[in-house]
């Protein structure tokens, strides 16, 4: 009887959990709010970042009035960041650059220069 219960739990998890967390492994960072791009678009490898056990709320963040990170997992950058900076929110383009460069500098890994992210093909 215990094996049947365990099997049912595993079956439910196998069926419902992957669709809830599914996302393309790699996607192109391209947003109409940024406008015409001066450099090639960035291909972001979400799977690689997730496999390195980075905290999701590092990118999918939501700060309160006291700058406490309340999470916000699942929301996209343009939920808060717009084409132009507003109040204390950096523009979408600046948010991308700040987030990526700061993390790569702190982790001492990943691209740091423009041409390492914006790769000409």
PDB file of N, CA and C in Angstrom:
ATOM      1  N   UNK A   1       0.816  -1.198   0.000  1.00  0.00           N
ATOM      2  CA  UNK A   1       0.000   0.000   0.000  1.00  0.00           C
ATOM      3  C   UNK A   1       0.868   1.275   0.000  1.00  0.00           C
ATOM      4  N   UNK A   2       1.985   1.224   0.732  1.00  0.00           N
ATOM      5  CA  UNK A   2       2.892   2.371   0.789  1.00  0.00           C
ATOM      6  C   UNK A   2       3.474   2.672  -0.580  1.00  0.00           C
ATOM      7  N   UNK A   3       3.812   1.640  -1.339  1.00  0.00           N
ATOM      8  CA  UNK A   3       4.367   1.838  -2.677  1.00  0.00           C
ATOM      9  C   UNK A   3       3.356   2.483  -3.616  1.00  0.00           C
ATOM     10  N   UNK A   4       2.111   2.145  -3.473  1.00  0.00           N
ATOM     11  CA  UNK A   4       1.068   2.726  -4.319  1.00  0.00           C
ATOM     12  C   UNK A   4       0.937   4.222  -4.033  1.00  0.00           C
ATOM     13  N   UNK A   5       0.952   4.590  -2.745  1.00  0.00           N
ATOM     14  CA  UNK A   5       0.862   6.008  -2.374  1.00  0.00           C
ATOM     15  C   UNK A   5       2.072   6.777  -2.907  1.00  0.00           C
ATOM     16  N   UNK A   6       3.244   6.198  -2.742  1.00  0.00           N
ATOM     17  CA  UNK A   6       4.461   6.835  -3.243  1.00  0.00           C
ATOM     18  C   UNK A   6       4.412   6.998  -4.760  1.00  0.00           C
ATOM     19  N   UNK A   7       3.954   5.975  -5.449  1.00  0.00           N
ATOM     20  CA  UNK A   7       3.826   6.036  -6.903  1.00  0.00           C
ATOM     21  C   UNK A   7       2.862   7.144  -7.320  1.00  0.00           C
ATOM     22  N   UNK A   8       1.748   7.273  -6.622  1.00  0.00           N
ATOM     23  CA  UNK A   8       0.766   8.306  -6.957  1.00  0.00           C
ATOM     24  C   UNK A   8       1.331   9.715  -6.724  1.00  0.00           C
ATOM     25  N   UNK A   9       2.090   9.888  -5.655  1.00  0.00           N
ATOM     26  CA  UNK A   9       2.703  11.193  -5.389  1.00  0.00           C
ATOM     27  C   UNK A   9       3.693  11.540  -6.494  1.00  0.00           C
ATOM     28  N   UNK A  10       4.534  10.589  -6.860  1.00  0.00           N
ATOM     29  CA  UNK A  10       5.509  10.813  -7.929  1.00  0.00           C
ATOM     30  C   UNK A  10       4.800  11.102  -9.243  1.00  0.00           C
ATOM     31  N   UNK A  11       3.747  10.391  -9.525  1.00  0.00           N
ATOM     32  CA  UNK A  11       2.986  10.599 -10.757  1.00  0.00           C
ATOM     33  C   UNK A  11       2.388  12.000 -10.802  1.00  0.00           C
ATOM     34  N   UNK A  12       1.791  12.437  -9.707  1.00  0.00           N
ATOM     35  CA  UNK A  12       1.201  13.773  -9.662  1.00  0.00           C
ATOM     36  C   UNK A  12       2.283  14.834  -9.862  1.00  0.00           C
ATOM     37  N   UNK A  13       3.420  14.679  -9.185  1.00  0.00           N
ATOM     38  CA  UNK A  13       4.511  15.638  -9.351  1.00  0.00           C
ATOM     39  C   UNK A  13       5.043  15.656 -10.777  1.00  0.00           C
ATOM     40  N   UNK A  14       5.164  14.502 -11.387  1.00  0.00           N
ATOM     41  CA  UNK A  14       5.687  14.414 -12.752  1.00  0.00           C
ATOM     42  C   UNK A  14       4.750  15.069 -13.756  1.00  0.00           C
ATOM     43  N   UNK A  15       3.462  15.005 -13.490  1.00  0.00           N
ATOM     44  CA  UNK A  15       2.481  15.551 -14.428  1.00  0.00           C
ATOM     45  C   UNK A  15       2.305  17.055 -14.253  1.00  0.00           C
ATOM     46  N   UNK A  16       2.268  17.544 -13.011  1.00  0.00           N
ATOM     47  CA  UNK A  16       1.896  18.936 -12.784  1.00  0.00           C
ATOM     48  C   UNK A  16       3.056  19.901 -12.558  1.00  0.00           C
ATOM     49  N   UNK A  17       4.170  19.465 -12.038  1.00  0.00           N
ATOM     50  CA  UNK A  17       5.258  20.390 -11.724  1.00  0.00           C
ATOM     51  C   UNK A  17       5.978  20.892 -12.968  1.00  0.00           C
ATOM     52  N   UNK A  18       6.403  20.048 -13.933  1.00  0.00           N
ATOM     53  CA  UNK A  18       7.122  20.582 -15.099  1.00  0.00           C
ATOM     54  C   UNK A  18       6.377  21.666 -15.875  1.00  0.00           C
ATOM     55  N   UNK A  19       5.066  21.541 -16.142  1.00  0.00           N
ATOM     56  CA  UNK A  19       4.399  22.627 -16.869  1.00  0.00           C
ATOM     57  C   UNK A  19       4.389  23.936 -16.092  1.00  0.00           C
ATOM     58  N   UNK A  20       4.369  23.860 -14.777  1.00  0.00           N
ATOM     59  CA  UNK A  20       4.345  25.077 -13.978  1.00  0.00           C
ATOM     60  C   UNK A  20       5.671  25.824 -14.060  1.00  0.00           C
ATOM     61  N   UNK A  21       6.784  25.113 -14.281  1.00  0.00           N
ATOM     62  CA  UNK A  21       8.087  25.744 -14.312  1.00  0.00           C
ATOM     63  C   UNK A  21       8.724  25.711 -15.695  1.00  0.00           C
ATOM     64  N   UNK A  22       7.961  25.408 -16.713  1.00  0.00           N
ATOM     65  CA  UNK A  22       8.558  25.291 -18.035  1.00  0.00           C
ATOM     66  C   UNK A  22       8.854  26.677 -18.603  1.00  0.00           C
ATOM     67  N   UNK A  23       9.956  26.768 -19.269  1.00  0.00           N
ATOM     68  CA  UNK A  23      10.385  27.992 -19.926  1.00  0.00           C
ATOM     69  C   UNK A  23      11.412  27.592 -20.959  1.00  0.00           C
ATOM     70  N   UNK A  24      11.530  28.374 -22.008  1.00  0.00           N
ATOM     71  CA  UNK A  24      12.544  28.080 -23.001  1.00  0.00           C
ATOM     72  C   UNK A  24      13.917  28.086 -22.338  1.00  0.00           C
ATOM     73  N   UNK A  25      14.781  27.175 -22.767  1.00  0.00           N
ATOM     74  CA  UNK A  25      16.129  27.109 -22.216  1.00  0.00           C
ATOM     75  C   UNK A  25      16.914  28.369 -22.530  1.00  0.00           C
ATOM     76  N   UNK A  26      16.807  28.846 -23.765  1.00  0.00           N
ATOM     77  CA  UNK A  26      17.508  30.050 -24.207  1.00  0.00           C
ATOM     78  C   UNK A  26      16.513  30.928 -24.957  1.00  0.00           C
ATOM     79  N   UNK A  27      16.565  32.223 -24.694  1.00  0.00           N
ATOM     80  CA  UNK A  27      15.700  33.130 -25.442  1.00  0.00           C
ATOM     81  C   UNK A  27      16.442  34.431 -25.704  1.00  0.00           C
ATOM     82  N   UNK A  28      15.975  35.158 -26.687  1.00  0.00           N
ATOM     83  CA  UNK A  28      16.606  36.411 -27.103  1.00  0.00           C
ATOM     84  C   UNK A  28      15.978  37.560 -26.322  1.00  0.00           C
ATOM     85  N   UNK A  29      16.838  38.377 -25.719  1.00  0.00           N
ATOM     86  CA  UNK A  29      16.353  39.552 -24.998  1.00  0.00           C
ATOM     87  C   UNK A  29      16.064  40.642 -26.028  1.00  0.00           C
ATOM     88  N   UNK A  30      14.802  40.782 -26.342  1.00  0.00           N
ATOM     89  CA  UNK A  30      14.375  41.747 -27.347  1.00  0.00           C
ATOM     90  C   UNK A  30      13.047  42.318 -26.889  1.00  0.00           C
ATOM     91  N   UNK A  31      12.989  43.598 -26.702  1.00  0.00           N
ATOM     92  CA  UNK A  31      11.752  44.208 -26.244  1.00  0.00           C
ATOM     93  C   UNK A  31      11.499  45.470 -27.054  1.00  0.00           C
ATOM     94  N   UNK A  32      10.274  45.622 -27.488  1.00  0.00           N
ATOM     95  CA  UNK A  32       9.929  46.762 -28.338  1.00  0.00           C
ATOM     96  C   UNK A  32      10.125  48.095 -27.625  1.00  0.00           C
ATOM     97  N   UNK A  33      10.014  48.125 -26.282  1.00  0.00           N
ATOM     98  CA  UNK A  33      10.203  49.373 -25.547  1.00  0.00           C
ATOM     99  C   UNK A  33      11.618  49.928 -25.699  1.00  0.00           C
ATOM    100  N   UNK A  34      12.587  49.056 -25.906  1.00  0.00           N
ATOM    101  CA  UNK A  34      13.972  49.522 -26.022  1.00  0.00           C
ATOM    102  C   UNK A  34      14.190  50.239 -27.342  1.00  0.00           C
ATOM    103  N   UNK A  35      13.415  49.885 -28.342  1.00  0.00           N
ATOM    104  CA  UNK A  35      13.554  50.535 -29.640  1.00  0.00           C
ATOM    105  C   UNK A  35      14.620  49.880 -30.493  1.00  0.00           C
ATOM    106  N   UNK A  36      15.181  50.672 -31.412  1.00  0.00           N
ATOM    107  CA  UNK A  36      16.204  50.150 -32.322  1.00  0.00           C
ATOM    108  C   UNK A  36      17.468  49.820 -31.538  1.00  0.00           C
ATOM    109  N   UNK A  37      17.978  48.634 -31.765  1.00  0.00           N
ATOM    110  CA  UNK A  37      19.176  48.177 -31.066  1.00  0.00           C
ATOM    111  C   UNK A  37      20.426  48.590 -31.825  1.00  0.00           C
ATOM    112  N   UNK A  38      21.415  49.081 -31.093  1.00  0.00           N
ATOM    113  CA  UNK A  38      22.678  49.483 -31.704  1.00  0.00           C
ATOM    114  C   UNK A  38      23.620  48.296 -31.864  1.00  0.00           C
ATOM    115  N   UNK A  39      23.406  47.259 -31.091  1.00  0.00           N
ATOM    116  CA  UNK A  39      24.253  46.066 -31.117  1.00  0.00           C
ATOM    117  C   UNK A  39      23.383  44.840 -31.345  1.00  0.00           C
ATOM    118  N   UNK A  40      24.003  43.695 -31.678  1.00  0.00           N
ATOM    119  CA  UNK A  40      23.213  42.467 -31.848  1.00  0.00           C
ATOM    120  C   UNK A  40      22.478  42.117 -30.557  1.00  0.00           C
ATOM    121  N   UNK A  41      21.344  41.453 -30.703  1.00  0.00           N
ATOM    122  CA  UNK A  41      20.539  41.072 -29.537  1.00  0.00           C
ATOM    123  C   UNK A  41      21.275  40.028 -28.692  1.00  0.00           C
ATOM    124  N   UNK A  42      20.964  40.002 -27.411  1.00  0.00           N
ATOM    125  CA  UNK A  42      21.588  39.081 -26.468  1.00  0.00           C
ATOM    126  C   UNK A  42      20.757  37.805 -26.383  1.00  0.00           C
ATOM    127  N   UNK A  43      21.439  36.662 -26.490  1.00  0.00           N
ATOM    128  CA  UNK A  43      20.787  35.370 -26.266  1.00  0.00           C
ATOM    129  C   UNK A  43      21.039  34.994 -24.808  1.00  0.00           C
ATOM    130  N   UNK A  44      19.967  34.931 -24.024  1.00  0.00           N
ATOM    131  CA  UNK A  44      20.067  34.646 -22.598  1.00  0.00           C
ATOM    132  C   UNK A  44      19.768  33.174 -22.353  1.00  0.00           C
ATOM    133  N   UNK A  45      20.706  32.488 -21.716  1.00  0.00           N
ATOM    134  CA  UNK A  45      20.535  31.063 -21.421  1.00  0.00           C
ATOM    135  C   UNK A  45      19.958  30.919 -20.016  1.00  0.00           C
ATOM    136  N   UNK A  46      18.633  30.845 -19.942  1.00  0.00           N
ATOM    137  CA  UNK A  46      17.944  30.737 -18.662  1.00  0.00           C
ATOM    138  C   UNK A  46      18.275  29.419 -17.975  1.00  0.00           C
ATOM    139  N   UNK A  47      18.352  28.344 -18.760  1.00  0.00           N
ATOM    140  CA  UNK A  47      18.639  27.026 -18.186  1.00  0.00           C
ATOM    141  C   UNK A  47      20.001  27.024 -17.484  1.00  0.00           C
ATOM    142  N   UNK A  48      21.012  27.606 -18.111  1.00  0.00           N
ATOM    143  CA  UNK A  48      22.348  27.659 -17.523  1.00  0.00           C
ATOM    144  C   UNK A  48      22.332  28.403 -16.191  1.00  0.00           C
ATOM    145  N   UNK A  49      21.631  29.534 -16.146  1.00  0.00           N
ATOM    146  CA  UNK A  49      21.562  30.307 -14.912  1.00  0.00           C
ATOM    147  C   UNK A  49      20.811  29.532 -13.827  1.00  0.00           C
ATOM    148  N   UNK A  50      19.737  28.848 -14.191  1.00  0.00           N
ATOM    149  CA  UNK A  50      18.965  28.065 -13.222  1.00  0.00           C
ATOM    150  C   UNK A  50      19.775  26.873 -12.710  1.00  0.00           C
ATOM    151  N   UNK A  51      20.522  26.229 -13.603  1.00  0.00           N
ATOM    152  CA  UNK A  51      21.332  25.076 -13.202  1.00  0.00           C
ATOM    153  C   UNK A  51      22.444  25.468 -12.240  1.00  0.00           C
ATOM    154  N   UNK A  52      22.870  26.725 -12.282  1.00  0.00           N
ATOM    155  CA  UNK A  52      23.901  27.199 -11.361  1.00  0.00           C
ATOM    156  C   UNK A  52      23.320  27.620 -10.022  1.00  0.00           C
ATOM    157  N   UNK A  53      22.069  27.242  -9.803  1.00  0.00           N
ATOM    158  CA  UNK A  53      21.401  27.445  -8.510  1.00  0.00           C
ATOM    159  C   UNK A  53      21.334  28.915  -8.085  1.00  0.00           C
ATOM    160  N   UNK A  54      21.187  29.810  -9.052  1.00  0.00           N
ATOM    161  CA  UNK A  54      21.014  31.221  -8.707  1.00  0.00           C
ATOM    162  C   UNK A  54      19.612  31.422  -8.152  1.00  0.00           C
ATOM    163  N   UNK A  55      19.495  32.259  -7.167  1.00  0.00           N
ATOM    164  CA  UNK A  55      18.202  32.559  -6.569  1.00  0.00           C
ATOM    165  C   UNK A  55      17.340  33.284  -7.605  1.00  0.00           C
ATOM    166  N   UNK A  56      16.171  32.738  -7.890  1.00  0.00           N
ATOM    167  CA  UNK A  56      15.280  33.318  -8.908  1.00  0.00           C
ATOM    168  C   UNK A  56      14.948  34.780  -8.615  1.00  0.00           C
ATOM    169  N   UNK A  57      14.826  35.116  -7.317  1.00  0.00           N
ATOM    170  CA  UNK A  57      14.442  36.482  -6.967  1.00  0.00           C
ATOM    171  C   UNK A  57      15.549  37.492  -7.229  1.00  0.00           C
ATOM    172  N   UNK A  58      16.726  37.013  -7.603  1.00  0.00           N
ATOM    173  CA  UNK A  58      17.798  37.950  -7.970  1.00  0.00           C
ATOM    174  C   UNK A  58      17.381  38.737  -9.213  1.00  0.00           C
ATOM    175  N   UNK A  59      16.767  38.066 -10.168  1.00  0.00           N
ATOM    176  CA  UNK A  59      16.284  38.744 -11.380  1.00  0.00           C
ATOM    177  C   UNK A  59      14.795  39.056 -11.286  1.00  0.00           C
ATOM    178  N   UNK A  60      14.024  38.084 -10.837  1.00  0.00           N
ATOM    179  CA  UNK A  60      12.570  38.262 -10.714  1.00  0.00           C
ATOM    180  C   UNK A  60      12.281  38.876  -9.352  1.00  0.00           C
ATOM    181  N   UNK A  61      12.642  40.143  -9.204  1.00  0.00           N
ATOM    182  CA  UNK A  61      12.538  40.789  -7.908  1.00  0.00           C
ATOM    183  C   UNK A  61      11.386  41.772  -7.842  1.00  0.00           C
ATOM    184  N   UNK A  62      11.042  42.134  -6.627  1.00  0.00           N
ATOM    185  CA  UNK A  62      10.011  43.134  -6.367  1.00  0.00           C
ATOM    186  C   UNK A  62      10.398  43.803  -5.052  1.00  0.00           C
ATOM    187  N   UNK A  63      10.876  45.029  -5.125  1.00  0.00           N
ATOM    188  CA  UNK A  63      11.347  45.717  -3.931  1.00  0.00           C
ATOM    189  C   UNK A  63      10.233  46.558  -3.315  1.00  0.00           C
ATOM    190  N   UNK A  64      10.146  46.526  -1.972  1.00  0.00           N
ATOM    191  CA  UNK A  64       9.172  47.374  -1.297  1.00  0.00           C
ATOM    192  C   UNK A  64       9.774  48.765  -1.079  1.00  0.00           C
ATOM    193  N   UNK A  65       9.074  49.633  -0.372  1.00  0.00           N
ATOM    194  CA  UNK A  65       9.519  51.008  -0.162  1.00  0.00           C
ATOM    195  C   UNK A  65      10.830  51.092   0.619  1.00  0.00           C
ATOM    196  N   UNK A  66      11.172  50.026   1.348  1.00  0.00           N
ATOM    197  CA  UNK A  66      12.399  50.011   2.153  1.00  0.00           C
ATOM    198  C   UNK A  66      13.517  49.228   1.469  1.00  0.00           C
ATOM    199  N   UNK A  67      13.336  48.923   0.165  1.00  0.00           N
ATOM    200  CA  UNK A  67      14.288  48.186  -0.663  1.00  0.00           C
ATOM    201  C   UNK A  67      14.505  46.748  -0.198  1.00  0.00           C
ATOM    202  N   UNK A  68      13.485  46.181   0.441  1.00  0.00           N
ATOM    203  CA  UNK A  68      13.509  44.757   0.766  1.00  0.00           C
ATOM    204  C   UNK A  68      12.989  43.986  -0.430  1.00  0.00           C
ATOM    205  N   UNK A  69      13.696  42.928  -0.818  1.00  0.00           N
ATOM    206  CA  UNK A  69      13.292  42.130  -1.968  1.00  0.00           C
ATOM    207  C   UNK A  69      12.191  41.172  -1.545  1.00  0.00           C
ATOM    208  N   UNK A  70      10.974  41.397  -2.084  1.00  0.00           N
ATOM    209  CA  UNK A  70       9.837  40.545  -1.739  1.00  0.00           C
ATOM    210  C   UNK A  70       9.665  39.406  -2.725  1.00  0.00           C
ATOM    211  N   UNK A  71      10.605  39.204  -3.608  1.00  0.00           N
ATOM    212  CA  UNK A  71      10.494  38.130  -4.590  1.00  0.00           C
ATOM    213  C   UNK A  71       9.885  38.635  -5.870  1.00  0.00           C
ATOM    214  N   UNK A  72       8.819  38.010  -6.298  1.00  0.00           N
ATOM    215  CA  UNK A  72       8.185  38.397  -7.546  1.00  0.00           C
ATOM    216  C   UNK A  72       8.459  37.395  -8.639  1.00  0.00           C
ATOM    217  N   UNK A  73       8.819  36.173  -8.245  1.00  0.00           N
ATOM    218  CA  UNK A  73       9.173  35.134  -9.213  1.00  0.00           C
ATOM    219  C   UNK A  73       8.097  35.006 -10.288  1.00  0.00           C
ATOM    220  N   UNK A  74       8.534  34.992 -11.515  1.00  0.00           N
ATOM    221  CA  UNK A  74       7.614  34.820 -12.632  1.00  0.00           C
ATOM    222  C   UNK A  74       7.299  36.107 -13.362  1.00  0.00           C
ATOM    223  N   UNK A  75       7.478  37.263 -12.703  1.00  0.00           N
ATOM    224  CA  UNK A  75       7.180  38.498 -13.404  1.00  0.00           C
ATOM    225  C   UNK A  75       8.330  38.837 -14.343  1.00  0.00           C
ATOM    226  N   UNK A  76       8.009  39.554 -15.383  1.00  0.00           N
ATOM    227  CA  UNK A  76       9.022  39.927 -16.361  1.00  0.00           C
ATOM    228  C   UNK A  76       9.578  41.309 -16.042  1.00  0.00           C
ATOM    229  N   UNK A  77      10.714  41.619 -16.607  1.00  0.00           N
ATOM    230  CA  UNK A  77      11.394  42.894 -16.337  1.00  0.00           C
ATOM    231  C   UNK A  77      10.495  44.093 -16.646  1.00  0.00           C
ATOM    232  N   UNK A  78       9.749  43.999 -17.764  1.00  0.00           N
ATOM    233  CA  UNK A  78       8.936  45.143 -18.171  1.00  0.00           C
ATOM    234  C   UNK A  78       7.676  45.313 -17.333  1.00  0.00           C
ATOM    235  N   UNK A  79       7.489  44.458 -16.327  1.00  0.00           N
ATOM    236  CA  UNK A  79       6.378  44.662 -15.393  1.00  0.00           C
ATOM    237  C   UNK A  79       6.593  45.962 -14.629  1.00  0.00           C
ATOM    238  N   UNK A  80       7.847  46.277 -14.325  1.00  0.00           N
ATOM    239  CA  UNK A  80       8.167  47.488 -13.567  1.00  0.00           C
ATOM    240  C   UNK A  80       9.042  48.463 -14.354  1.00  0.00           C
ATOM    241  N   UNK A  81       9.963  47.939 -15.154  1.00  0.00           N
ATOM    242  CA  UNK A  81      10.914  48.789 -15.873  1.00  0.00           C
ATOM    243  C   UNK A  81      10.356  49.154 -17.245  1.00  0.00           C
ATOM    244  N   UNK A  82      10.319  50.432 -17.520  1.00  0.00           N
ATOM    245  CA  UNK A  82       9.761  50.939 -18.779  1.00  0.00           C
ATOM    246  C   UNK A  82      10.882  51.492 -19.667  1.00  0.00           C
ATOM    247  N   UNK A  83      10.508  52.002 -20.830  1.00  0.00           N
ATOM    248  CA  UNK A  83      11.505  52.527 -21.776  1.00  0.00           C
ATOM    249  C   UNK A  83      12.364  53.605 -21.125  1.00  0.00           C
ATOM    250  N   UNK A  84      11.753  54.495 -20.409  1.00  0.00           N
ATOM    251  CA  UNK A  84      12.463  55.571 -19.720  1.00  0.00           C
ATOM    252  C   UNK A  84      12.416  55.323 -18.220  1.00  0.00           C
ATOM    253  N   UNK A  85      13.442  55.788 -17.503  1.00  0.00           N
ATOM    254  CA  UNK A  85      13.476  55.666 -16.051  1.00  0.00           C
ATOM    255  C   UNK A  85      12.304  56.442 -15.453  1.00  0.00           C
ATOM    256  N   UNK A  86      11.695  55.862 -14.427  1.00  0.00           N
ATOM    257  CA  UNK A  86      10.586  56.518 -13.738  1.00  0.00           C
ATOM    258  C   UNK A  86      10.833  56.443 -12.241  1.00  0.00           C
ATOM    259  N   UNK A  87      10.748  57.576 -11.566  1.00  0.00           N
ATOM    260  CA  UNK A  87      10.972  57.641 -10.120  1.00  0.00           C
ATOM    261  C   UNK A  87      12.299  56.960  -9.786  1.00  0.00           C
ATOM    262  N   UNK A  88      12.247  55.895  -8.996  1.00  0.00           N
ATOM    263  CA  UNK A  88      13.465  55.188  -8.609  1.00  0.00           C
ATOM    264  C   UNK A  88      13.729  53.973  -9.484  1.00  0.00           C
ATOM    265  N   UNK A  89      12.900  53.766 -10.518  1.00  0.00           N
ATOM    266  CA  UNK A  89      13.054  52.599 -11.389  1.00  0.00           C
ATOM    267  C   UNK A  89      13.964  52.940 -12.564  1.00  0.00           C
ATOM    268  N   UNK A  90      15.057  52.170 -12.729  1.00  0.00           N
ATOM    269  CA  UNK A  90      15.877  52.403 -13.934  1.00  0.00           C
ATOM    270  C   UNK A  90      15.105  51.983 -15.182  1.00  0.00           C
ATOM    271  N   UNK A  91      15.519  52.497 -16.312  1.00  0.00           N
ATOM    272  CA  UNK A  91      14.891  52.098 -17.573  1.00  0.00           C
ATOM    273  C   UNK A  91      15.105  50.603 -17.794  1.00  0.00           C
ATOM    274  N   UNK A  92      14.344  50.023 -18.688  1.00  0.00           N
ATOM    275  CA  UNK A  92      14.458  48.599 -18.985  1.00  0.00           C
ATOM    276  C   UNK A  92      15.866  48.259 -19.461  1.00  0.00           C
ATOM    277  N   UNK A  93      16.399  49.065 -20.367  1.00  0.00           N
ATOM    278  CA  UNK A  93      17.749  48.826 -20.890  1.00  0.00           C
ATOM    279  C   UNK A  93      18.789  48.909 -19.774  1.00  0.00           C
ATOM    280  N   UNK A  94      18.700  49.941 -18.940  1.00  0.00           N
ATOM    281  CA  UNK A  94      19.650  50.090 -17.838  1.00  0.00           C
ATOM    282  C   UNK A  94      19.508  48.963 -16.821  1.00  0.00           C
ATOM    283  N   UNK A  95      18.284  48.514 -16.593  1.00  0.00           N
ATOM    284  CA  UNK A  95      18.057  47.416 -15.648  1.00  0.00           C
ATOM    285  C   UNK A  95      18.714  46.138 -16.151  1.00  0.00           C
ATOM    286  N   UNK A  96      18.556  45.844 -17.445  1.00  0.00           N
ATOM    287  CA  UNK A  96      19.218  44.670 -18.036  1.00  0.00           C
ATOM    288  C   UNK A  96      20.730  44.764 -17.823  1.00  0.00           C
ATOM    289  N   UNK A  97      21.308  45.883 -18.233  1.00  0.00           N
ATOM    290  CA  UNK A  97      22.757  46.041 -18.147  1.00  0.00           C
ATOM    291  C   UNK A  97      23.250  45.961 -16.704  1.00  0.00           C
ATOM    292  N   UNK A  98      22.599  46.669 -15.805  1.00  0.00           N
ATOM    293  CA  UNK A  98      23.025  46.670 -14.406  1.00  0.00           C
ATOM    294  C   UNK A  98      22.918  45.268 -13.800  1.00  0.00           C
ATOM    295  N   UNK A  99      21.807  44.612 -14.037  1.00  0.00           N
ATOM    296  CA  UNK A  99      21.577  43.290 -13.445  1.00  0.00           C
ATOM    297  C   UNK A  99      22.623  42.278 -13.929  1.00  0.00           C
ATOM    298  N   UNK A 100      22.838  42.216 -15.215  1.00  0.00           N
ATOM    299  CA  UNK A 100      23.764  41.230 -15.778  1.00  0.00           C
ATOM    300  C   UNK A 100      25.202  41.526 -15.382  1.00  0.00           C
ATOM    301  N   UNK A 101      25.640  42.761 -15.598  1.00  0.00           N
ATOM    302  CA  UNK A 101      27.032  43.113 -15.322  1.00  0.00           C
ATOM    303  C   UNK A 101      27.365  42.985 -13.840  1.00  0.00           C
ATOM    304  N   UNK A 102      26.488  43.454 -12.975  1.00  0.00           N
ATOM    305  CA  UNK A 102      26.743  43.389 -11.539  1.00  0.00           C
ATOM    306  C   UNK A 102      26.853  41.943 -11.067  1.00  0.00           C
ATOM    307  N   UNK A 103      25.957  41.103 -11.532  1.00  0.00           N
ATOM    308  CA  UNK A 103      25.989  39.694 -11.135  1.00  0.00           C
ATOM    309  C   UNK A 103      27.265  39.018 -11.647  1.00  0.00           C
ATOM    310  N   UNK A 104      27.603  39.243 -12.898  1.00  0.00           N
ATOM    311  CA  UNK A 104      28.806  38.625 -13.464  1.00  0.00           C
ATOM    312  C   UNK A 104      30.065  39.108 -12.740  1.00  0.00           C
ATOM    313  N   UNK A 105      30.104  40.386 -12.384  1.00  0.00           N
ATOM    314  CA  UNK A 105      31.255  40.903 -11.639  1.00  0.00           C
ATOM    315  C   UNK A 105      31.334  40.267 -10.259  1.00  0.00           C
ATOM    316  N   UNK A 106      30.207  40.180  -9.562  1.00  0.00           N
ATOM    317  CA  UNK A 106      30.183  39.608  -8.215  1.00  0.00           C
ATOM    318  C   UNK A 106      30.504  38.119  -8.217  1.00  0.00           C
ATOM    319  N   UNK A 107      30.006  37.402  -9.220  1.00  0.00           N
ATOM    320  CA  UNK A 107      30.226  35.954  -9.296  1.00  0.00           C
ATOM    321  C   UNK A 107      31.588  35.626  -9.920  1.00  0.00           C
ATOM    322  N   UNK A 108      32.244  36.654 -10.487  1.00  0.00           N
ATOM    323  CA  UNK A 108      33.533  36.473 -11.164  1.00  0.00           C
ATOM    324  C   UNK A 108      33.458  35.419 -12.273  1.00  0.00           C
ATOM    325  N   UNK A 109      32.358  35.461 -13.000  1.00  0.00           N
ATOM    326  CA  UNK A 109      32.165  34.573 -14.138  1.00  0.00           C
ATOM    327  C   UNK A 109      31.170  35.210 -15.102  1.00  0.00           C
ATOM    328  N   UNK A 110      31.246  34.818 -16.347  1.00  0.00           N
ATOM    329  CA  UNK A 110      30.318  35.336 -17.348  1.00  0.00           C
ATOM    330  C   UNK A 110      30.878  36.543 -18.062  1.00  0.00           C
ATOM    331  N   UNK A 111      30.228  36.941 -19.140  1.00  0.00           N
ATOM    332  CA  UNK A 111      30.708  38.065 -19.945  1.00  0.00           C
ATOM    333  C   UNK A 111      30.574  39.391 -19.204  1.00  0.00           C
ATOM    334  N   UNK A 112      31.518  40.293 -19.471  1.00  0.00           N
ATOM    335  CA  UNK A 112      31.508  41.618 -18.842  1.00  0.00           C
ATOM    336  C   UNK A 112      31.529  42.761 -19.852  1.00  0.00           C
ATOM    337  N   UNK A 113      32.031  42.504 -21.050  1.00  0.00           N
ATOM    338  CA  UNK A 113      32.112  43.581 -22.037  1.00  0.00           C
ATOM    339  C   UNK A 113      30.931  43.514 -22.997  1.00  0.00           C
ATOM    340  N   UNK A 114      30.684  44.605 -23.672  1.00  0.00           N
ATOM    341  CA  UNK A 114      29.541  44.688 -24.600  1.00  0.00           C
ATOM    342  C   UNK A 114      29.561  43.537 -25.617  1.00  0.00           C
ATOM    343  N   UNK A 115      30.719  43.344 -26.260  1.00  0.00           N
ATOM    344  CA  UNK A 115      30.825  42.363 -27.323  1.00  0.00           C
ATOM    345  C   UNK A 115      30.735  40.918 -26.858  1.00  0.00           C
ATOM    346  N   UNK A 116      30.913  40.685 -25.559  1.00  0.00           N
ATOM    347  CA  UNK A 116      30.780  39.317 -25.050  1.00  0.00           C
ATOM    348  C   UNK A 116      29.317  38.921 -24.884  1.00  0.00           C
ATOM    349  N   UNK A 117      28.460  39.882 -24.653  1.00  0.00           N
ATOM    350  CA  UNK A 117      27.005  39.619 -24.554  1.00  0.00           C
ATOM    351  C   UNK A 117      26.334  39.825 -25.900  1.00  0.00           C
ATOM    352  N   UNK A 118      26.644  40.942 -26.530  1.00  0.00           N
ATOM    353  CA  UNK A 118      26.073  41.283 -27.838  1.00  0.00           C
ATOM    354  C   UNK A 118      26.998  40.724 -28.920  1.00  0.00           C
ATOM    355  N   UNK A 119      26.854  39.444 -29.196  1.00  0.00           N
ATOM    356  CA  UNK A 119      27.778  38.736 -30.083  1.00  0.00           C
ATOM    357  C   UNK A 119      27.361  38.895 -31.540  1.00  0.00           C
ATOM    358  N   UNK A 120      28.304  39.346 -32.366  1.00  0.00           N
ATOM    359  CA  UNK A 120      28.058  39.447 -33.817  1.00  0.00           C
ATOM    360  C   UNK A 120      28.210  38.051 -34.419  1.00  0.00           C
ATOM    361  N   UNK A 121      27.281  37.700 -35.288  1.00  0.00           N
ATOM    362  CA  UNK A 121      27.319  36.362 -35.902  1.00  0.00           C
ATOM    363  C   UNK A 121      27.624  36.464 -37.363  1.00  0.00           C
TER     364      UNK A 121
END
